[in-house]
Amino acid sequence: MHVYNNVYTDIRSSGVNSRMGAQVLAESNIFNSVKDAIATNLYSKEAGFAADVNNVKNGNTTISITQTCSYTPDYAYK
């Protein structure tokens, strides 16, 4: 999954949550006070994978990536 150019504000749980072996590229997003902005180990028996690329984190924002990935989309984008 490619999560690109989004704004998350005042979220008390997870913003981007990769689980069950999924691979997520979280890129160029803004996280404003998001408890678990990017996470790979929440709410499932099997963790997912994530890459944190050029994201902006403001306020009380945490990142919890336990497994990284190198997913690249197979399409062009700006």
Protein backbone atom coordinates (compact mmCIF):
# COMPACT_ATOMS: atom_id res chain seq x y z
CA MET A 1 0.00 0.00 0.00
CA HIS A 2 1.17 3.53 -0.71
CA VAL A 3 -0.11 6.17 1.72
CA TYR A 4 0.90 9.48 0.17
CA ASN A 5 0.33 13.18 0.90
CA ASN A 6 -2.30 13.00 3.66
CA VAL A 7 -2.88 14.99 6.84
CA TYR A 8 -3.71 13.25 10.14
CA THR A 9 -4.65 15.44 13.11
CA ASP A 10 -5.49 14.66 16.77
CA ILE A 11 -5.85 10.89 16.45
CA ARG A 12 -5.76 8.98 19.74
CA SER A 13 -5.11 5.61 18.13
CA SER A 14 -3.27 4.62 14.95
CA GLY A 15 -2.98 6.60 11.73
CA VAL A 16 -1.22 4.19 9.35
CA ASN A 17 -1.34 0.66 10.75
CA SER A 18 0.34 -2.12 8.77
CA ARG A 19 -0.56 -5.61 9.95
CA MET A 20 -0.77 -9.26 8.94
CA GLY A 21 2.43 -9.08 6.87
CA ALA A 22 1.28 -6.14 4.72
CA GLN A 23 3.83 -3.69 3.32
CA VAL A 24 3.11 0.05 3.57
CA LEU A 25 5.07 2.97 2.19
CA ALA A 26 4.01 6.03 4.21
CA GLU A 27 5.35 8.99 2.26
CA SER A 28 5.05 12.79 2.52
CA ASN A 29 2.23 12.77 5.07
CA ILE A 30 1.72 15.20 7.95
CA PHE A 31 0.99 13.80 11.40
CA ASN A 32 -0.24 16.32 14.00
CA SER A 33 -0.59 14.77 17.46
CA VAL A 34 -1.19 11.19 16.33
CA LYS A 35 -0.57 8.59 19.06
CA ASP A 36 0.69 5.84 16.72
CA ALA A 37 1.24 7.68 13.44
CA ILE A 38 2.88 4.71 11.72
CA ALA A 39 2.76 1.32 13.41
CA THR A 40 3.43 -2.29 12.48
CA ASN A 41 2.65 -4.13 15.70
CA LEU A 42 -0.90 -3.18 16.71
CA TYR A 43 -4.23 -5.06 16.72
CA SER A 44 -3.19 -8.32 15.01
CA LYS A 45 -1.30 -11.51 15.74
CA GLU A 46 1.14 -10.90 12.87
CA ALA A 47 3.03 -7.62 12.45
CA GLY A 48 3.24 -5.75 9.17
CA PHE A 49 6.06 -3.86 7.48
CA ALA A 50 6.36 -0.10 6.91
CA ALA A 51 8.66 2.56 5.50
CA ASP A 52 8.64 6.11 6.91
CA VAL A 53 9.70 8.44 4.06
CA ASN A 54 9.63 12.26 4.22
CA ASN A 55 6.77 12.42 6.73
CA VAL A 56 6.31 15.43 9.02
CA LYS A 57 5.61 14.73 12.69
CA ASN A 58 4.27 17.49 14.96
CA GLY A 59 3.11 17.53 18.56
CA ASN A 60 2.72 14.32 20.53
CA THR A 61 3.29 11.96 17.60
CA THR A 62 4.94 8.54 17.83
CA ILE A 63 6.22 6.06 15.26
CA SER A 64 6.35 2.35 16.10
CA ILE A 65 7.86 0.45 13.18
CA THR A 66 9.11 -2.97 14.24
CA GLN A 67 9.69 -4.28 10.69
CA THR A 68 10.78 -2.10 7.79
CA CYS A 69 10.16 -2.63 4.09
CA SER A 70 11.45 -1.24 0.82
CA TYR A 71 8.16 -1.21 -1.11
CA THR A 72 8.18 0.98 -4.22
CA PRO A 73 5.05 1.71 -6.24
CA ASP A 74 5.02 0.51 -9.84
CA TYR A 75 3.49 3.78 -11.11
CA ALA A 76 4.70 7.34 -11.58
CA TYR A 77 3.57 10.11 -9.21
CA LYS A 78 4.50 13.65 -8.17
